[in-house]
C-alpha cells in the first residue's frame, strides 16, 4: 500500500534462506502480520509489519525434530532473527541478523507458491487413479492427534500424526 500501512505480503510462500554460505529451505504463510511455517526439522513463527513497501519481521526458529542430520543454520535449537526487506515484483528479498550468530548475515527470498502449480480441481492424478482421503482426529489446548486413510486405486495408505502446540498465535 503506497504511502501507508498495509499487508501486500500475503499467502503461502516457499523460502530460500542463507546464513553466510549455508543454505536452507522452508515454507511460510504470511497473513495479516503473522508468519508461521517450517521445514522437516524446524518450526518458524513470528510477526511482520509492512510500511511504505518495507517489510520488517522478527522470526523464531524452534527445533521439532531431534534427528542430528538436520543442523541449525544459526547454531542453536531455538534461535531468533530480525530482517528487513521489500518486494521485487511479487518476490520478497530480506536481509538481517541473529543474536545467536553475531556478525553473520541472514538473507532470505520468499516466493509465492502460485495457484497454477497446484493440480487443477478436476484433474485425475496418481497414475490415472482418482484419490480419496479421509481425516479424523481430536485436539485440545496442547495439540492434536490426526489419523487419515487415503485410497488410491486398489491401494490404501494410513497416516497418523501427533501435533504439539509450540507457540500460541
N, C-alpha and C. Protein backbone atom coordinates (compact mmCIF):
# COMPACT_ATOMS: atom_id res chain seq x y z
N UNK A 1 0.85 -1.16 0.00
CA UNK A 1 0.00 0.00 0.00
C UNK A 1 0.90 1.24 0.00
N UNK A 2 1.02 1.90 -1.09
CA UNK A 2 1.93 3.02 -1.20
C UNK A 2 1.53 4.13 -0.24
N UNK A 3 2.53 4.67 0.46
CA UNK A 3 2.31 5.80 1.34
C UNK A 3 1.67 5.45 2.67
N UNK A 4 1.56 4.20 3.02
CA UNK A 4 0.92 3.87 4.28
C UNK A 4 1.12 2.44 4.70
N UNK A 5 0.29 2.04 5.67
CA UNK A 5 0.37 0.69 6.20
C UNK A 5 -0.56 -0.23 5.42
N UNK A 6 -0.15 -1.47 5.29
CA UNK A 6 -0.98 -2.48 4.64
C UNK A 6 -0.20 -3.77 4.60
N UNK A 7 -0.86 -4.82 4.14
CA UNK A 7 -0.17 -6.10 4.03
C UNK A 7 -0.22 -6.56 2.59
N UNK A 8 0.83 -6.22 1.86
CA UNK A 8 0.95 -6.71 0.49
C UNK A 8 1.54 -8.11 0.51
N UNK A 9 2.35 -8.41 1.53
CA UNK A 9 2.90 -9.76 1.70
C UNK A 9 1.80 -10.61 2.30
N UNK A 10 1.26 -11.53 1.50
CA UNK A 10 0.15 -12.38 1.92
C UNK A 10 0.28 -13.73 1.24
N UNK A 11 -0.07 -14.79 1.96
CA UNK A 11 -0.21 -16.10 1.34
C UNK A 11 0.92 -17.06 1.66
N UNK A 12 0.83 -18.23 1.01
CA UNK A 12 1.75 -19.34 1.21
C UNK A 12 2.98 -19.14 0.33
N UNK A 13 4.17 -19.20 0.92
CA UNK A 13 5.41 -18.94 0.18
C UNK A 13 6.45 -20.03 0.43
N UNK A 14 7.25 -20.28 -0.59
CA UNK A 14 8.45 -21.09 -0.37
C UNK A 14 9.57 -20.11 -0.03
N UNK A 15 10.49 -20.54 0.83
CA UNK A 15 11.54 -19.64 1.32
C UNK A 15 12.90 -20.30 1.12
N UNK A 16 13.80 -19.56 0.52
CA UNK A 16 15.21 -19.96 0.45
C UNK A 16 15.93 -19.02 1.38
N UNK A 17 16.63 -19.56 2.38
CA UNK A 17 17.34 -18.70 3.32
C UNK A 17 18.80 -19.11 3.38
N UNK A 18 19.61 -18.16 3.80
CA UNK A 18 21.06 -18.36 3.79
C UNK A 18 21.67 -17.61 4.96
N UNK A 19 22.56 -18.28 5.68
CA UNK A 19 23.37 -17.64 6.71
C UNK A 19 24.81 -17.78 6.25
N UNK A 20 25.42 -16.66 5.92
CA UNK A 20 26.74 -16.66 5.29
C UNK A 20 26.70 -17.57 4.07
N UNK A 21 27.43 -18.71 4.06
CA UNK A 21 27.46 -19.59 2.89
C UNK A 21 26.57 -20.82 3.01
N UNK A 22 25.83 -20.98 4.10
CA UNK A 22 25.00 -22.15 4.32
C UNK A 22 23.55 -21.84 3.91
N UNK A 23 22.94 -22.75 3.14
CA UNK A 23 21.62 -22.52 2.57
C UNK A 23 20.60 -23.51 3.14
N UNK A 24 19.36 -23.05 3.32
CA UNK A 24 18.26 -23.90 3.75
C UNK A 24 16.98 -23.52 3.02
N UNK A 25 15.96 -24.35 3.20
CA UNK A 25 14.67 -24.10 2.56
C UNK A 25 13.55 -24.37 3.55
N UNK A 26 12.42 -23.70 3.32
CA UNK A 26 11.29 -23.80 4.23
C UNK A 26 10.04 -23.33 3.50
N UNK A 27 8.92 -23.34 4.19
CA UNK A 27 7.69 -22.70 3.72
C UNK A 27 7.18 -21.80 4.83
N UNK A 28 6.47 -20.75 4.48
CA UNK A 28 5.87 -19.85 5.46
C UNK A 28 4.54 -19.36 4.92
N UNK A 29 3.64 -19.00 5.83
CA UNK A 29 2.34 -18.47 5.46
C UNK A 29 2.20 -17.08 6.07
N UNK A 30 2.23 -16.07 5.22
CA UNK A 30 2.11 -14.68 5.68
C UNK A 30 0.65 -14.27 5.63
N UNK A 31 0.14 -13.80 6.79
CA UNK A 31 -1.26 -13.42 6.84
C UNK A 31 -1.49 -12.40 7.94
N UNK A 32 -1.77 -11.17 7.56
CA UNK A 32 -2.17 -10.14 8.50
C UNK A 32 -1.18 -9.86 9.61
N UNK A 33 0.11 -9.98 9.33
CA UNK A 33 1.13 -9.67 10.33
C UNK A 33 1.68 -10.88 11.07
N UNK A 34 1.15 -12.06 10.79
CA UNK A 34 1.63 -13.30 11.42
C UNK A 34 2.29 -14.16 10.35
N UNK A 35 3.38 -14.86 10.71
CA UNK A 35 4.10 -15.64 9.73
C UNK A 35 4.57 -16.98 10.32
N UNK A 36 3.70 -18.01 10.37
CA UNK A 36 4.14 -19.34 10.78
C UNK A 36 4.66 -20.13 9.58
N UNK A 37 5.46 -21.16 9.86
CA UNK A 37 5.97 -22.01 8.79
C UNK A 37 6.91 -23.05 9.35
N UNK A 38 7.73 -23.63 8.46
CA UNK A 38 8.69 -24.61 8.93
C UNK A 38 9.21 -25.50 7.82
N UNK A 39 9.98 -26.50 8.25
CA UNK A 39 10.53 -27.50 7.34
C UNK A 39 10.63 -28.83 8.09
N UNK A 40 11.42 -29.75 7.62
CA UNK A 40 11.49 -31.08 8.22
C UNK A 40 12.05 -31.10 9.63
N UNK A 41 12.74 -30.06 10.06
CA UNK A 41 13.36 -30.07 11.38
C UNK A 41 12.99 -28.90 12.27
N UNK A 42 12.58 -27.78 11.69
CA UNK A 42 12.35 -26.57 12.48
C UNK A 42 11.00 -25.94 12.17
N UNK A 43 10.31 -25.51 13.24
CA UNK A 43 9.11 -24.69 13.09
C UNK A 43 9.57 -23.24 13.15
N UNK A 44 8.95 -22.39 12.36
CA UNK A 44 9.27 -20.96 12.35
C UNK A 44 7.99 -20.21 12.67
N UNK A 45 8.07 -19.21 13.50
CA UNK A 45 6.90 -18.39 13.80
C UNK A 45 7.35 -17.00 14.17
N UNK A 46 6.51 -16.05 13.80
CA UNK A 46 6.86 -14.68 14.11
C UNK A 46 5.86 -13.71 13.56
N UNK A 47 6.27 -12.46 13.52
CA UNK A 47 5.41 -11.38 13.08
C UNK A 47 6.11 -10.55 12.02
N UNK A 48 5.31 -9.78 11.30
CA UNK A 48 5.88 -8.84 10.34
C UNK A 48 4.97 -7.63 10.24
N UNK A 49 5.56 -6.53 9.84
CA UNK A 49 4.79 -5.33 9.54
C UNK A 49 5.31 -4.79 8.21
N UNK A 50 4.45 -4.08 7.53
CA UNK A 50 4.80 -3.55 6.23
C UNK A 50 4.37 -2.09 6.16
N UNK A 51 5.34 -1.20 5.96
CA UNK A 51 5.06 0.23 5.87
C UNK A 51 5.79 0.77 4.64
N UNK A 52 5.03 1.41 3.76
CA UNK A 52 5.59 2.00 2.55
C UNK A 52 6.44 1.03 1.76
N UNK A 53 5.99 -0.24 1.68
CA UNK A 53 6.69 -1.25 0.88
C UNK A 53 7.86 -1.92 1.55
N UNK A 54 8.21 -1.51 2.77
CA UNK A 54 9.31 -2.13 3.50
C UNK A 54 8.73 -3.06 4.57
N UNK A 55 9.16 -4.31 4.55
CA UNK A 55 8.69 -5.31 5.50
C UNK A 55 9.76 -5.50 6.56
N UNK A 56 9.34 -5.45 7.82
CA UNK A 56 10.21 -5.73 8.96
C UNK A 56 9.63 -6.96 9.66
N UNK A 57 10.48 -7.93 9.96
CA UNK A 57 9.99 -9.19 10.53
C UNK A 57 10.91 -9.68 11.64
N UNK A 58 10.29 -10.28 12.66
CA UNK A 58 11.00 -10.95 13.75
C UNK A 58 10.52 -12.38 13.77
N UNK A 59 11.42 -13.34 13.58
CA UNK A 59 11.07 -14.75 13.46
C UNK A 59 11.86 -15.57 14.49
N UNK A 60 11.20 -16.57 15.06
CA UNK A 60 11.85 -17.55 15.93
C UNK A 60 11.86 -18.88 15.19
N UNK A 61 12.98 -19.57 15.23
CA UNK A 61 13.13 -20.90 14.65
C UNK A 61 13.30 -21.87 15.82
N UNK A 62 12.47 -22.92 15.87
CA UNK A 62 12.42 -23.82 17.02
C UNK A 62 12.48 -25.27 16.52
N UNK A 63 13.51 -26.01 16.95
CA UNK A 63 13.66 -27.41 16.51
C UNK A 63 12.49 -28.25 16.99
N UNK A 64 11.94 -29.08 16.07
CA UNK A 64 10.91 -30.05 16.44
C UNK A 64 11.32 -31.48 16.10
N UNK A 65 12.45 -31.66 15.44
CA UNK A 65 12.93 -32.98 15.03
C UNK A 65 14.33 -33.17 15.60
N UNK A 66 14.50 -34.20 16.42
CA UNK A 66 15.79 -34.42 17.08
C UNK A 66 16.83 -35.12 16.22
N UNK A 67 16.53 -35.41 14.98
CA UNK A 67 17.47 -36.07 14.07
C UNK A 67 18.72 -35.19 13.90
N UNK A 68 19.90 -35.71 14.27
CA UNK A 68 21.13 -34.90 14.17
C UNK A 68 21.55 -34.58 12.72
N UNK A 69 20.94 -35.24 11.74
CA UNK A 69 21.26 -34.94 10.34
C UNK A 69 20.73 -33.58 9.90
N UNK A 70 19.79 -33.02 10.66
CA UNK A 70 19.27 -31.69 10.37
C UNK A 70 19.93 -30.69 11.31
N UNK A 71 20.84 -29.92 10.76
CA UNK A 71 21.60 -28.94 11.55
C UNK A 71 20.95 -27.57 11.48
N UNK A 72 21.06 -26.83 12.55
CA UNK A 72 20.57 -25.46 12.58
C UNK A 72 21.54 -24.54 11.84
N UNK A 73 21.01 -23.69 10.98
CA UNK A 73 21.85 -22.71 10.30
C UNK A 73 22.35 -21.64 11.26
N UNK A 74 21.63 -21.48 12.39
CA UNK A 74 22.01 -20.44 13.34
C UNK A 74 22.74 -21.01 14.55
N UNK A 75 23.06 -22.31 14.54
CA UNK A 75 23.87 -22.90 15.59
C UNK A 75 23.13 -23.16 16.89
N UNK A 76 21.80 -23.09 16.90
CA UNK A 76 21.04 -23.27 18.12
C UNK A 76 19.69 -23.89 17.80
N UNK A 77 19.17 -24.73 18.72
CA UNK A 77 17.87 -25.35 18.50
C UNK A 77 16.72 -24.36 18.59
N UNK A 78 16.90 -23.27 19.29
CA UNK A 78 15.94 -22.17 19.32
C UNK A 78 16.72 -20.90 19.01
N UNK A 79 16.34 -20.24 17.93
CA UNK A 79 17.08 -19.05 17.51
C UNK A 79 16.10 -18.00 17.00
N UNK A 80 16.53 -16.76 17.05
CA UNK A 80 15.71 -15.66 16.54
C UNK A 80 16.50 -14.88 15.50
N UNK A 81 15.78 -14.22 14.61
CA UNK A 81 16.43 -13.32 13.66
C UNK A 81 15.47 -12.21 13.29
N UNK A 82 16.05 -11.07 13.01
CA UNK A 82 15.31 -9.87 12.59
C UNK A 82 15.75 -9.54 11.17
N UNK A 83 14.77 -9.29 10.30
CA UNK A 83 15.09 -8.96 8.91
C UNK A 83 14.26 -7.79 8.42
N UNK A 84 14.77 -7.16 7.38
CA UNK A 84 14.05 -6.10 6.66
C UNK A 84 14.17 -6.42 5.19
N UNK A 85 13.12 -6.08 4.46
CA UNK A 85 13.18 -6.33 3.03
C UNK A 85 12.03 -5.70 2.29
N UNK A 86 12.00 -5.98 1.00
CA UNK A 86 10.93 -5.45 0.15
C UNK A 86 10.77 -6.37 -1.04
N UNK A 87 9.72 -6.08 -1.80
CA UNK A 87 9.40 -6.92 -2.95
C UNK A 87 10.03 -6.38 -4.23
N UNK A 88 10.44 -7.31 -5.05
CA UNK A 88 10.79 -7.04 -6.44
C UNK A 88 9.78 -7.86 -7.23
N UNK A 89 8.77 -7.20 -7.79
CA UNK A 89 7.62 -7.92 -8.33
C UNK A 89 6.84 -8.49 -7.16
N UNK A 90 6.56 -9.80 -7.18
CA UNK A 90 5.87 -10.42 -6.05
C UNK A 90 6.80 -11.29 -5.20
N UNK A 91 8.11 -11.15 -5.41
CA UNK A 91 9.11 -11.92 -4.65
C UNK A 91 9.78 -10.99 -3.64
N UNK A 92 9.75 -11.40 -2.38
CA UNK A 92 10.31 -10.58 -1.29
C UNK A 92 11.74 -11.02 -0.99
N UNK A 93 12.62 -10.02 -0.84
CA UNK A 93 14.03 -10.24 -0.51
C UNK A 93 14.32 -9.59 0.84
N UNK A 94 14.93 -10.37 1.75
CA UNK A 94 15.19 -9.91 3.11
C UNK A 94 16.66 -10.05 3.45
N UNK A 95 17.10 -9.21 4.41
CA UNK A 95 18.45 -9.33 4.97
C UNK A 95 18.39 -8.91 6.43
N UNK A 96 19.20 -9.56 7.26
CA UNK A 96 19.21 -9.22 8.67
C UNK A 96 20.23 -10.04 9.43
N UNK A 97 19.97 -10.25 10.72
CA UNK A 97 20.91 -10.97 11.55
C UNK A 97 20.24 -11.66 12.72
N UNK A 98 21.08 -12.35 13.51
CA UNK A 98 20.60 -13.11 14.65
C UNK A 98 21.55 -12.90 15.83
N UNK A 99 21.01 -12.72 17.04
CA UNK A 99 21.88 -12.59 18.20
C UNK A 99 22.63 -13.89 18.51
N UNK A 100 22.14 -15.03 17.98
CA UNK A 100 22.83 -16.30 18.20
C UNK A 100 24.10 -16.41 17.36
N UNK A 101 24.21 -15.61 16.31
CA UNK A 101 25.41 -15.61 15.45
C UNK A 101 25.78 -14.17 15.12
N UNK A 102 26.30 -13.41 16.09
CA UNK A 102 26.67 -12.02 15.83
C UNK A 102 27.63 -11.92 14.65
N UNK A 103 27.36 -10.98 13.78
CA UNK A 103 28.23 -10.76 12.62
C UNK A 103 27.84 -11.56 11.39
N UNK A 104 27.06 -12.64 11.57
CA UNK A 104 26.62 -13.44 10.42
C UNK A 104 25.49 -12.70 9.71
N UNK A 105 25.44 -12.83 8.41
CA UNK A 105 24.41 -12.18 7.61
C UNK A 105 23.35 -13.22 7.22
N UNK A 106 22.11 -12.94 7.57
CA UNK A 106 20.97 -13.79 7.22
C UNK A 106 20.27 -13.16 6.02
N UNK A 107 20.07 -13.95 4.96
CA UNK A 107 19.34 -13.49 3.78
C UNK A 107 18.25 -14.50 3.46
N UNK A 108 17.13 -14.00 2.96
CA UNK A 108 16.09 -14.93 2.52
C UNK A 108 15.32 -14.34 1.34
N UNK A 109 14.73 -15.24 0.57
CA UNK A 109 13.89 -14.89 -0.56
C UNK A 109 12.58 -15.67 -0.40
N UNK A 110 11.47 -14.93 -0.34
CA UNK A 110 10.14 -15.55 -0.22
C UNK A 110 9.42 -15.43 -1.56
N UNK A 111 9.06 -16.58 -2.12
CA UNK A 111 8.38 -16.64 -3.41
C UNK A 111 7.00 -17.24 -3.22
N UNK A 112 5.94 -16.55 -3.65
CA UNK A 112 4.60 -17.13 -3.51
C UNK A 112 4.50 -18.47 -4.22
N UNK A 113 3.82 -19.41 -3.59
CA UNK A 113 3.53 -20.68 -4.24
C UNK A 113 2.25 -20.46 -5.02
N UNK A 114 2.41 -20.34 -6.32
CA UNK A 114 1.33 -19.91 -7.20
C UNK A 114 0.26 -20.99 -7.35
N UNK A 115 -0.96 -20.54 -7.55
CA UNK A 115 -2.08 -21.45 -7.75
C UNK A 115 -1.86 -22.37 -8.94
N UNK A 116 -1.17 -21.89 -9.97
CA UNK A 116 -1.03 -22.69 -11.18
C UNK A 116 -0.14 -23.92 -10.99
N UNK A 117 0.66 -23.99 -9.91
CA UNK A 117 1.47 -25.20 -9.70
C UNK A 117 0.69 -26.27 -8.96
N UNK A 118 -0.51 -25.95 -8.48
CA UNK A 118 -1.37 -26.93 -7.83
C UNK A 118 -2.21 -27.59 -8.90
N UNK A 119 -2.43 -28.91 -8.79
CA UNK A 119 -3.21 -29.64 -9.79
C UNK A 119 -4.61 -29.04 -9.92
N UNK A 120 -5.14 -28.97 -11.14
CA UNK A 120 -6.50 -28.47 -11.33
C UNK A 120 -7.50 -29.30 -10.54
N UNK A 121 -8.58 -28.68 -10.13
CA UNK A 121 -9.56 -29.31 -9.25
C UNK A 121 -10.10 -30.62 -9.82
N UNK A 122 -10.38 -30.71 -11.10
CA UNK A 122 -10.97 -31.91 -11.69
C UNK A 122 -9.95 -32.85 -12.30
N UNK A 123 -8.67 -32.59 -12.11
CA UNK A 123 -7.63 -33.44 -12.71
C UNK A 123 -7.60 -34.81 -12.03
N UNK A 124 -7.29 -35.84 -12.81
CA UNK A 124 -7.10 -37.18 -12.28
C UNK A 124 -5.61 -37.36 -12.06
N UNK A 125 -5.23 -37.73 -10.85
CA UNK A 125 -3.81 -37.83 -10.53
C UNK A 125 -3.36 -39.26 -10.31
N UNK A 126 -2.18 -39.43 -9.80
CA UNK A 126 -1.57 -40.70 -9.36
C UNK A 126 -1.83 -41.83 -10.34
N UNK A 127 -1.17 -41.78 -11.49
CA UNK A 127 -1.22 -42.89 -12.44
C UNK A 127 -2.59 -43.13 -13.02
N UNK A 128 -3.42 -42.11 -13.14
CA UNK A 128 -4.74 -42.28 -13.72
C UNK A 128 -5.81 -42.68 -12.72
N UNK A 129 -5.48 -42.81 -11.45
CA UNK A 129 -6.46 -43.16 -10.43
C UNK A 129 -6.87 -41.93 -9.65
N UNK A 130 -8.17 -41.82 -9.39
CA UNK A 130 -8.61 -40.75 -8.52
C UNK A 130 -8.26 -41.12 -7.10
N UNK A 131 -7.90 -40.11 -6.31
CA UNK A 131 -7.52 -40.32 -4.92
C UNK A 131 -8.63 -39.82 -4.01
N UNK A 132 -8.82 -40.54 -2.92
CA UNK A 132 -9.74 -40.09 -1.89
C UNK A 132 -9.03 -40.18 -0.55
N UNK A 133 -9.30 -39.25 0.33
CA UNK A 133 -8.65 -39.27 1.64
C UNK A 133 -9.66 -38.80 2.69
N UNK A 134 -9.62 -39.46 3.83
CA UNK A 134 -10.49 -39.09 4.93
C UNK A 134 -9.66 -38.85 6.18
N UNK A 135 -10.03 -37.84 6.95
CA UNK A 135 -9.32 -37.47 8.16
C UNK A 135 -10.24 -37.57 9.36
N UNK A 136 -9.68 -37.94 10.49
CA UNK A 136 -10.40 -37.91 11.77
C UNK A 136 -9.37 -37.60 12.85
N UNK A 137 -9.81 -36.98 13.92
CA UNK A 137 -8.86 -36.70 14.97
C UNK A 137 -9.47 -35.97 16.13
N UNK A 138 -8.62 -35.67 17.09
CA UNK A 138 -9.02 -34.92 18.28
C UNK A 138 -7.99 -33.84 18.54
N UNK A 139 -8.40 -32.81 19.26
CA UNK A 139 -7.46 -31.76 19.61
C UNK A 139 -7.85 -31.15 20.95
N UNK A 140 -6.86 -30.53 21.59
CA UNK A 140 -7.09 -29.77 22.82
C UNK A 140 -6.12 -28.59 22.82
N UNK A 141 -5.94 -27.94 23.95
CA UNK A 141 -5.09 -26.75 24.01
C UNK A 141 -3.60 -27.03 23.80
N UNK A 142 -3.19 -28.30 23.90
CA UNK A 142 -1.76 -28.60 23.76
C UNK A 142 -1.39 -29.21 22.42
N UNK A 143 -2.38 -29.61 21.61
CA UNK A 143 -2.04 -30.19 20.32
C UNK A 143 -3.18 -31.00 19.75
N UNK A 144 -2.84 -31.95 18.85
CA UNK A 144 -3.86 -32.74 18.18
C UNK A 144 -3.32 -34.10 17.79
N UNK A 145 -4.23 -35.06 17.65
CA UNK A 145 -3.92 -36.39 17.13
C UNK A 145 -4.76 -36.55 15.88
N UNK A 146 -4.13 -36.88 14.76
CA UNK A 146 -4.80 -36.97 13.48
C UNK A 146 -4.56 -38.34 12.89
N UNK A 147 -5.59 -38.96 12.36
CA UNK A 147 -5.48 -40.21 11.61
C UNK A 147 -6.13 -40.00 10.26
N UNK A 148 -5.53 -40.55 9.22
CA UNK A 148 -6.06 -40.39 7.87
C UNK A 148 -5.86 -41.68 7.10
N UNK A 149 -6.76 -41.92 6.16
CA UNK A 149 -6.64 -43.04 5.25
C UNK A 149 -6.85 -42.50 3.84
N UNK A 150 -5.93 -42.85 2.95
CA UNK A 150 -6.04 -42.44 1.56
C UNK A 150 -6.24 -43.67 0.70
N UNK A 151 -7.16 -43.58 -0.24
CA UNK A 151 -7.43 -44.68 -1.17
C UNK A 151 -6.99 -44.26 -2.55
N UNK A 152 -6.09 -45.05 -3.15
CA UNK A 152 -5.57 -44.77 -4.49
C UNK A 152 -5.70 -46.05 -5.30
N UNK A 153 -6.75 -46.14 -6.10
CA UNK A 153 -6.99 -47.36 -6.86
C UNK A 153 -7.25 -48.52 -5.90
N UNK A 154 -6.45 -49.60 -6.00
CA UNK A 154 -6.61 -50.76 -5.13
C UNK A 154 -5.74 -50.67 -3.89
N UNK A 155 -5.02 -49.58 -3.73
CA UNK A 155 -4.12 -49.40 -2.58
C UNK A 155 -4.74 -48.47 -1.56
N UNK A 156 -4.34 -48.67 -0.32
CA UNK A 156 -4.73 -47.72 0.71
C UNK A 156 -3.51 -47.39 1.56
N UNK A 157 -3.46 -46.20 2.02
CA UNK A 157 -2.37 -45.73 2.86
C UNK A 157 -2.98 -45.19 4.15
N UNK A 158 -2.33 -45.49 5.27
CA UNK A 158 -2.81 -44.98 6.55
C UNK A 158 -1.74 -44.07 7.13
N UNK A 159 -2.18 -42.99 7.72
CA UNK A 159 -1.27 -41.97 8.23
C UNK A 159 -1.74 -41.54 9.61
N UNK A 160 -0.81 -41.47 10.55
CA UNK A 160 -1.10 -40.96 11.89
C UNK A 160 -0.12 -39.85 12.21
N UNK A 161 -0.62 -38.76 12.77
CA UNK A 161 0.26 -37.64 13.13
C UNK A 161 -0.10 -37.14 14.52
N UNK A 162 0.93 -36.80 15.27
CA UNK A 162 0.75 -36.16 16.57
C UNK A 162 1.27 -34.73 16.42
N UNK A 163 0.41 -33.76 16.65
CA UNK A 163 0.76 -32.35 16.53
C UNK A 163 0.84 -31.75 17.92
N UNK A 164 1.95 -31.08 18.22
CA UNK A 164 2.13 -30.45 19.53
C UNK A 164 2.21 -28.94 19.35
N UNK A 165 1.47 -28.22 20.17
CA UNK A 165 1.49 -26.76 20.12
C UNK A 165 2.85 -26.26 20.59
N UNK A 166 3.51 -25.46 19.75
CA UNK A 166 4.83 -24.93 20.11
C UNK A 166 4.74 -23.46 20.51
N UNK A 167 3.78 -22.74 19.94
CA UNK A 167 3.67 -21.29 20.19
C UNK A 167 2.23 -20.87 19.99
N UNK A 168 1.68 -20.14 20.94
CA UNK A 168 0.34 -19.60 20.77
C UNK A 168 0.35 -18.52 19.70
N UNK A 169 -0.72 -18.44 18.94
CA UNK A 169 -0.82 -17.44 17.88
C UNK A 169 -1.00 -16.05 18.47
